Amino acid sequence: MKEPKSKKSSFSKLSKKEKIKWVQKKFLNQEESLFTELEGFQHPDLDVQKKLDNFSENTLCNFPIPFGVAPHFLINNKKYCVPMVIEESSVVAAASNAAKYWSTRGGISAKVIDTVKLGHIHLYWTGEGAKLYQFFISKKYDLLKGCKEITAQMEARGGGILSMQLLDKTEEDEGYFQIEIKFETCDSMGANFINSVLEKVASLWKYEVHTSSYFFGEEKTVDIILCILSNYNPECLASASVSCKVKELGTFPNGINAEKFADKFYKAVRIAKLDTHRAATHNKGIFNGIDAIVLATGNDFRAIEACGHTYAAANGKYQGLSDCSIENGIFTFRLEMPVPIGTVGGLTKLHPLASKSLELLGNPNARELMQVIVSTGLMQNFGALRSLVTTGIQKGHMKMHLSNILNQLHATEKEFAAAVEHFGTRLVSFSKVREYLDYLRNYGT
């Protein structure tokens, strides 16, 4: 005789407290209550916590990351205090210091080049490509008209479908075609809008082919594989640049004058164009700044990174995203890259700190935010390269990292102050800091 099936609830149906108990019992070997430990990371406002819980699934608590600001940004003659959400030491300081440096040299010039976003219907079809193409041309208007219920509101805001074309990809795989649609999504990132349009067009296209007397036999069957936006949007571009006379760059540590700095800086940017290993680290530094403001404003940093890294390899070789030139005594540093973001929809208004970040920036529209984001990436890159070609990256980085080490070693306030003074001119490492704290604790100051 079979035993009756258990009526246990699935994990997702458990309460938060029950989920935590389940995790503790199944995966953690500890006697103290995990619920008590995690409770300190809950938001004190129950309504806010409920909203945070609904952003994801199977949530146990929140995972705090520092929310900081980088002041001193002067972009297109407008002052900004840039919100940055990041846990890595020295990133906010580097961006702020670089922005302050350039604020006395004319500030940052930024612009939006275009705001086009892409989506694709990936399909397979058996037949002659030219025949399918001619049919597509004859039905394009009907496909666009059939989407009006979805596109009407976006069109009222000045957006919607910009173009639609059938791409023959059969040289890459037999029977493979795409319908590529370009969109303007105004101030929204537009993912849900784009995907809804794509699915509607795919349904209409499949019906048109199947019911047309223009096709026979297998030609009447369209196999829709995917309907999905692309995170590679090379036409959704923004750029930022700084420029001044070489002699106005000033002087730098280790006796480096303006001319030597400009030469070393130019060569550092050039190396990131030549060497893929350096390019990866170079671009990671840019995204240190970009990810931080993208997170702070409730946008999708993963989508921005996927797009940016693909753009960095657009010519067939992965390269650094920024450029530098020295012409007629003028030093120019520039960053151009795709920044597909939004200022409405998604978490931009739902997350209380994302909403506050946008308020801090003056409630920009998407085009203005694109300019602030690419400017932050430029300043982050300048700050990192300035350190690399003058003092080296570790001196400043480890100075900022000292506080993390001291916290990890449970330093008291008195020990913290003594360690900061002690390591002011000394190399910082975990072992050296631990040795110094052991000395303080055994022998005093």
Foldseek 3Di string as FASTA:
>chain_A
DDDDDDPDDPLQPDDLQVNQVVCCVPPNDDDDRPLVVQVVQADPDPVQSVLVDVLDTSDNGDDAFDWDWQFLAQEPNDGATFIFTHRAFPLSVLLNVLSNLQSVVVGKYKFWQAAKWKWKWKKFADDDPVLLQVVCVVCVVVLQVQCCVLFVVQVVVVKGWDDWHKADPCVVPNRIIMIMIMIDRWQALCFVSQLVSQVSSVVVSLVCLLPDPSDDDRRSGMGTDDTGIDLADFNRKMKMKGKDFLQVSAAAPPGRHSVNLLVLLQVLQVVQAVDVVSQVVLVVLLLSQLVGSCVQQQHDSVSQVVNFQCVCCVVPGRGHQKHWDADPRMTMIMGMGHDSHHCDDGCNPSNPRNVVSCVSRVVDGNRVVSRVSNSSSRSSSVSQSSCCSHVRNQVSSLLRCVVVLCVVVVHDPVLSVVLNVVCVPPHDDSVVSVVSVVCCVVPND
